[in-house]
Amino acid sequence: MGQRRPSDKDERVLLFVKTRDGVRVDEALRTTIRNHVRRELSPRHVPAFIFETPEIPMTVNGKKTEIPVKKLVCGQSVTPSSTVANPHALRWYERFAHLDAEGVGRAGAKL
């Protein structure tokens, strides 16, 4: 997901990963993902940050809702439409609008 806020000079890539039960996103997995993206896509697509998400917002038809998430991480407000099956899941992504260059959010919280 590309993130470019009004204060940003460049866009950076954030990757949100929903894991299977018992699997954690650790530094080893992050390194594996980054290496795979660099090799299979391009260095431009390598995520600046990789976060484990508790839930992916989905439509009632079972599709991922990428546009509302992108707007949230870019600092825009979103009013979920009636087609979002789990609108509560969008709230979790709001915190990433305040992510700094080191992956730290508001009040120094590591996200």
N, C-alpha and C. Protein backbone atom coordinates (compact mmCIF):
# COMPACT_ATOMS: atom_id res chain seq x y z
N MET A 1 0.85 -1.15 0.00
CA MET A 1 0.00 0.00 0.00
C MET A 1 0.90 1.23 0.00
N GLY A 2 0.71 2.12 -0.94
CA GLY A 2 1.50 3.34 -0.99
C GLY A 2 1.00 4.35 0.03
N GLN A 3 1.94 5.01 0.69
CA GLN A 3 1.59 6.06 1.65
C GLN A 3 2.29 7.34 1.23
N ARG A 4 1.48 8.34 0.97
CA ARG A 4 2.01 9.68 0.69
C ARG A 4 1.05 10.67 1.32
N ARG A 5 1.53 11.31 2.37
CA ARG A 5 0.74 12.30 3.08
C ARG A 5 1.12 13.68 2.60
N PRO A 6 0.33 14.69 2.87
CA PRO A 6 0.66 16.05 2.39
C PRO A 6 2.07 16.51 2.78
N SER A 7 2.57 16.06 3.92
CA SER A 7 3.90 16.47 4.37
C SER A 7 5.04 15.63 3.78
N ASP A 8 4.72 14.56 3.08
CA ASP A 8 5.74 13.65 2.53
C ASP A 8 6.24 14.13 1.17
N LYS A 9 7.55 13.98 0.96
CA LYS A 9 8.13 14.31 -0.35
C LYS A 9 7.99 13.15 -1.32
N ASP A 10 8.06 11.93 -0.79
CA ASP A 10 7.99 10.73 -1.61
C ASP A 10 6.96 9.77 -1.04
N GLU A 11 6.53 8.85 -1.88
CA GLU A 11 5.63 7.79 -1.42
C GLU A 11 6.48 6.64 -0.90
N ARG A 12 5.98 5.98 0.15
CA ARG A 12 6.64 4.78 0.65
C ARG A 12 5.62 3.66 0.72
N VAL A 13 6.12 2.44 0.71
CA VAL A 13 5.25 1.27 0.70
C VAL A 13 5.12 0.71 2.12
N LEU A 14 3.86 0.52 2.54
CA LEU A 14 3.55 -0.17 3.78
C LEU A 14 2.87 -1.48 3.40
N LEU A 15 3.26 -2.56 4.04
CA LEU A 15 2.66 -3.85 3.77
C LEU A 15 2.00 -4.35 5.04
N PHE A 16 0.74 -4.71 4.93
CA PHE A 16 -0.02 -5.26 6.05
C PHE A 16 -0.26 -6.74 5.78
N VAL A 17 0.14 -7.58 6.74
CA VAL A 17 0.08 -9.02 6.56
C VAL A 17 -0.85 -9.62 7.59
N LYS A 18 -1.80 -10.40 7.12
CA LYS A 18 -2.68 -11.17 8.00
C LYS A 18 -2.14 -12.59 7.99
N THR A 19 -1.71 -13.06 9.14
CA THR A 19 -1.08 -14.38 9.22
C THR A 19 -2.07 -15.45 9.66
N ARG A 20 -1.68 -16.68 9.44
CA ARG A 20 -2.44 -17.81 9.96
C ARG A 20 -2.24 -17.88 11.46
N ASP A 21 -3.13 -18.56 12.14
CA ASP A 21 -3.01 -18.73 13.59
C ASP A 21 -1.65 -19.33 13.93
N GLY A 22 -1.01 -18.73 14.91
CA GLY A 22 0.28 -19.24 15.38
C GLY A 22 1.49 -18.70 14.64
N VAL A 23 1.30 -18.02 13.53
CA VAL A 23 2.42 -17.46 12.76
C VAL A 23 2.55 -15.99 13.13
N ARG A 24 3.76 -15.57 13.44
CA ARG A 24 4.02 -14.18 13.81
C ARG A 24 4.88 -13.52 12.75
N VAL A 25 4.69 -12.22 12.58
CA VAL A 25 5.54 -11.46 11.68
C VAL A 25 6.74 -10.99 12.51
N ASP A 26 7.87 -11.65 12.29
CA ASP A 26 9.10 -11.29 13.00
C ASP A 26 10.11 -10.76 11.98
N GLU A 27 11.30 -10.41 12.46
CA GLU A 27 12.30 -9.84 11.55
C GLU A 27 12.73 -10.82 10.47
N ALA A 28 12.77 -12.09 10.78
CA ALA A 28 13.14 -13.08 9.76
C ALA A 28 12.12 -13.11 8.63
N LEU A 29 10.83 -13.09 8.97
CA LEU A 29 9.79 -13.07 7.95
C LEU A 29 9.82 -11.77 7.17
N ARG A 30 10.03 -10.65 7.85
CA ARG A 30 10.13 -9.36 7.15
C ARG A 30 11.27 -9.38 6.13
N THR A 31 12.41 -9.92 6.53
CA THR A 31 13.56 -10.00 5.62
C THR A 31 13.24 -10.89 4.43
N THR A 32 12.59 -12.01 4.66
CA THR A 32 12.20 -12.92 3.58
C THR A 32 11.26 -12.22 2.61
N ILE A 33 10.28 -11.51 3.13
CA ILE A 33 9.32 -10.80 2.28
C ILE A 33 10.02 -9.73 1.47
N ARG A 34 10.86 -8.94 2.11
CA ARG A 34 11.56 -7.86 1.39
C ARG A 34 12.45 -8.42 0.27
N ASN A 35 13.18 -9.50 0.58
CA ASN A 35 14.06 -10.11 -0.43
C ASN A 35 13.24 -10.65 -1.60
N HIS A 36 12.12 -11.27 -1.31
CA HIS A 36 11.26 -11.81 -2.36
C HIS A 36 10.71 -10.69 -3.24
N VAL A 37 10.24 -9.62 -2.63
CA VAL A 37 9.69 -8.49 -3.41
C VAL A 37 10.78 -7.87 -4.26
N ARG A 38 11.96 -7.68 -3.70
CA ARG A 38 13.08 -7.09 -4.45
C ARG A 38 13.43 -7.96 -5.65
N ARG A 39 13.47 -9.27 -5.45
CA ARG A 39 13.85 -10.21 -6.52
C ARG A 39 12.75 -10.36 -7.57
N GLU A 40 11.50 -10.51 -7.13
CA GLU A 40 10.41 -10.82 -8.05
C GLU A 40 9.73 -9.59 -8.66
N LEU A 41 9.79 -8.46 -7.99
CA LEU A 41 9.16 -7.24 -8.51
C LEU A 41 10.24 -6.22 -8.84
N SER A 42 10.61 -5.41 -7.85
CA SER A 42 11.69 -4.43 -8.04
C SER A 42 12.03 -3.81 -6.70
N PRO A 43 13.21 -3.20 -6.60
CA PRO A 43 13.57 -2.51 -5.35
C PRO A 43 12.57 -1.41 -4.99
N ARG A 44 11.95 -0.84 -5.98
CA ARG A 44 10.97 0.24 -5.76
C ARG A 44 9.75 -0.25 -4.98
N HIS A 45 9.43 -1.52 -5.09
CA HIS A 45 8.25 -2.09 -4.44
C HIS A 45 8.52 -2.65 -3.04
N VAL A 46 9.77 -2.64 -2.60
CA VAL A 46 10.11 -3.19 -1.29
C VAL A 46 9.46 -2.33 -0.20
N PRO A 47 8.70 -2.96 0.70
CA PRO A 47 8.02 -2.19 1.75
C PRO A 47 9.00 -1.53 2.72
N ALA A 48 8.71 -0.28 3.06
CA ALA A 48 9.49 0.40 4.09
C ALA A 48 9.20 -0.24 5.44
N PHE A 49 7.94 -0.62 5.65
CA PHE A 49 7.51 -1.24 6.90
C PHE A 49 6.54 -2.37 6.60
N ILE A 50 6.63 -3.41 7.40
CA ILE A 50 5.72 -4.56 7.29
C ILE A 50 5.08 -4.75 8.66
N PHE A 51 3.75 -4.73 8.69
CA PHE A 51 3.00 -4.84 9.93
C PHE A 51 2.06 -6.02 9.89
N GLU A 52 1.92 -6.68 11.02
CA GLU A 52 0.94 -7.75 11.16
C GLU A 52 -0.40 -7.12 11.51
N THR A 53 -1.41 -7.39 10.72
CA THR A 53 -2.73 -6.81 10.95
C THR A 53 -3.66 -7.84 11.59
N PRO A 54 -4.51 -7.38 12.48
CA PRO A 54 -5.44 -8.32 13.10
C PRO A 54 -6.59 -8.71 12.19
N GLU A 55 -6.92 -7.82 11.24
CA GLU A 55 -8.08 -8.08 10.37
C GLU A 55 -7.97 -7.23 9.11
N ILE A 56 -8.38 -7.79 8.00
CA ILE A 56 -8.39 -7.07 6.73
C ILE A 56 -9.83 -6.64 6.44
N PRO A 57 -10.04 -5.34 6.21
CA PRO A 57 -11.39 -4.90 5.86
C PRO A 57 -11.82 -5.53 4.52
N MET A 58 -13.04 -6.08 4.51
CA MET A 58 -13.55 -6.79 3.34
C MET A 58 -14.93 -6.25 2.96
N THR A 59 -15.26 -6.41 1.69
CA THR A 59 -16.61 -6.07 1.25
C THR A 59 -17.55 -7.23 1.57
N VAL A 60 -18.83 -6.98 1.44
CA VAL A 60 -19.80 -8.05 1.68
C VAL A 60 -19.65 -9.17 0.65
N ASN A 61 -18.97 -8.88 -0.48
CA ASN A 61 -18.72 -9.90 -1.51
C ASN A 61 -17.39 -10.63 -1.30
N GLY A 62 -16.70 -10.33 -0.19
CA GLY A 62 -15.46 -11.03 0.12
C GLY A 62 -14.21 -10.47 -0.52
N LYS A 63 -14.24 -9.24 -1.02
CA LYS A 63 -13.06 -8.62 -1.62
C LYS A 63 -12.40 -7.69 -0.61
N LYS A 64 -11.08 -7.55 -0.71
CA LYS A 64 -10.35 -6.64 0.18
C LYS A 64 -10.68 -5.19 -0.19
N THR A 65 -10.82 -4.35 0.82
CA THR A 65 -11.10 -2.92 0.57
C THR A 65 -9.82 -2.13 0.70
N GLU A 66 -9.13 -1.95 -0.40
CA GLU A 66 -7.83 -1.29 -0.39
C GLU A 66 -7.93 0.23 -0.36
N ILE A 67 -8.86 0.81 -1.08
CA ILE A 67 -8.93 2.27 -1.19
C ILE A 67 -9.19 2.94 0.17
N PRO A 68 -10.15 2.47 0.97
CA PRO A 68 -10.32 3.10 2.29
C PRO A 68 -9.07 2.99 3.17
N VAL A 69 -8.38 1.86 3.11
CA VAL A 69 -7.17 1.69 3.91
C VAL A 69 -6.10 2.66 3.43
N LYS A 70 -5.92 2.78 2.13
CA LYS A 70 -4.93 3.71 1.58
C LYS A 70 -5.24 5.13 2.02
N LYS A 71 -6.50 5.53 1.96
CA LYS A 71 -6.87 6.87 2.40
C LYS A 71 -6.53 7.08 3.87
N LEU A 72 -6.81 6.10 4.70
CA LEU A 72 -6.53 6.22 6.13
C LEU A 72 -5.04 6.37 6.41
N VAL A 73 -4.20 5.54 5.78
CA VAL A 73 -2.76 5.63 6.06
C VAL A 73 -2.15 6.89 5.48
N CYS A 74 -2.86 7.52 4.54
CA CYS A 74 -2.40 8.79 3.97
C CYS A 74 -2.96 10.00 4.74
N GLY A 75 -3.70 9.73 5.81
CA GLY A 75 -4.18 10.80 6.67
C GLY A 75 -5.53 11.38 6.29
N GLN A 76 -6.24 10.74 5.39
CA GLN A 76 -7.57 11.21 5.00
C GLN A 76 -8.62 10.51 5.85
N SER A 77 -9.74 11.17 6.01
CA SER A 77 -10.83 10.53 6.75
C SER A 77 -11.65 9.67 5.80
N VAL A 78 -12.26 8.65 6.37
CA VAL A 78 -13.05 7.70 5.58
C VAL A 78 -14.35 7.42 6.30
N THR A 79 -15.42 7.46 5.55
CA THR A 79 -16.72 7.00 6.04
C THR A 79 -17.01 5.70 5.31
N PRO A 80 -16.99 4.58 6.03
CA PRO A 80 -17.18 3.30 5.35
C PRO A 80 -18.56 3.22 4.68
N SER A 81 -18.58 2.67 3.50
CA SER A 81 -19.85 2.47 2.81
C SER A 81 -20.54 1.23 3.36
N SER A 82 -21.76 1.07 2.97
CA SER A 82 -22.53 -0.09 3.44
C SER A 82 -22.03 -1.40 2.83
N THR A 83 -21.12 -1.31 1.87
CA THR A 83 -20.58 -2.53 1.25
C THR A 83 -19.43 -3.12 2.05
N VAL A 84 -18.94 -2.42 3.08
CA VAL A 84 -17.86 -2.94 3.90
C VAL A 84 -18.48 -3.85 4.97
N ALA A 85 -18.08 -5.11 4.93
CA ALA A 85 -18.66 -6.11 5.84
C ALA A 85 -18.19 -5.93 7.28
N ASN A 86 -16.98 -5.45 7.47
CA ASN A 86 -16.40 -5.29 8.80
C ASN A 86 -15.81 -3.88 8.97
N PRO A 87 -16.64 -2.86 8.97
CA PRO A 87 -16.13 -1.48 9.04
C PRO A 87 -15.29 -1.20 10.28
N HIS A 88 -15.50 -1.94 11.36
CA HIS A 88 -14.71 -1.76 12.58
C HIS A 88 -13.21 -2.02 12.31
N ALA A 89 -12.91 -2.85 11.33
CA ALA A 89 -11.52 -3.19 11.02
C ALA A 89 -10.75 -1.98 10.48
N LEU A 90 -11.43 -1.02 9.90
CA LEU A 90 -10.76 0.16 9.35
C LEU A 90 -10.12 1.01 10.44
N ARG A 91 -10.69 1.04 11.61
CA ARG A 91 -10.17 1.89 12.70
C ARG A 91 -8.71 1.57 13.04
N TRP A 92 -8.34 0.31 12.95
CA TRP A 92 -6.97 -0.10 13.29
C TRP A 92 -5.95 0.59 12.40
N TYR A 93 -6.29 0.88 11.16
CA TYR A 93 -5.35 1.46 10.19
C TYR A 93 -5.15 2.96 10.37
N GLU A 94 -6.00 3.62 11.12
CA GLU A 94 -5.91 5.07 11.32
C GLU A 94 -4.57 5.47 11.94
N ARG A 95 -4.02 4.65 12.80
CA ARG A 95 -2.76 4.96 13.50
C ARG A 95 -1.58 5.16 12.56
N PHE A 96 -1.63 4.60 11.37
CA PHE A 96 -0.50 4.66 10.46
C PHE A 96 -0.38 5.99 9.72
N ALA A 97 -1.36 6.85 9.84
CA ALA A 97 -1.27 8.19 9.26
C ALA A 97 -0.20 9.00 9.98
N HIS A 98 0.16 8.60 11.19
CA HIS A 98 1.12 9.35 12.01
C HIS A 98 2.46 8.64 12.14
N LEU A 99 2.73 7.72 11.26
CA LEU A 99 3.97 6.94 11.28
C LEU A 99 5.15 7.82 10.86
N ASP A 100 6.23 7.79 11.65
CA ASP A 100 7.40 8.58 11.27
C ASP A 100 8.38 7.73 10.46
N ALA A 101 9.54 8.28 10.18
CA ALA A 101 10.52 7.62 9.31
C ALA A 101 11.10 6.35 9.93
N GLU A 102 10.99 6.20 11.24
CA GLU A 102 11.51 5.01 11.92
C GLU A 102 10.44 3.99 12.25
N GLY A 103 9.21 4.24 11.83
CA GLY A 103 8.13 3.30 12.10
C GLY A 103 7.49 3.52 13.46
N VAL A 104 7.65 4.71 14.00
CA VAL A 104 7.08 5.05 15.30
C VAL A 104 5.89 5.96 15.09
N GLY A 105 4.82 5.68 15.83
CA GLY A 105 3.60 6.49 15.72
C GLY A 105 3.56 7.60 16.74
N ARG A 106 2.40 8.13 16.97
CA ARG A 106 2.20 9.19 17.96
C ARG A 106 2.64 8.73 19.34
N ALA A 107 3.11 9.69 20.12
CA ALA A 107 3.51 9.45 21.51
C ALA A 107 4.62 8.41 21.61
N GLY A 108 5.39 8.23 20.53
CA GLY A 108 6.53 7.33 20.59
C GLY A 108 6.20 5.86 20.54
N ALA A 109 4.95 5.52 20.21
CA ALA A 109 4.54 4.11 20.19
C ALA A 109 5.08 3.43 18.93
N LYS A 110 5.82 2.36 19.14
CA LYS A 110 6.31 1.55 18.01
C LYS A 110 5.14 0.76 17.47
N LEU A 111 4.86 0.90 16.20
CA LEU A 111 3.69 0.24 15.61
C LEU A 111 4.08 -1.08 14.97
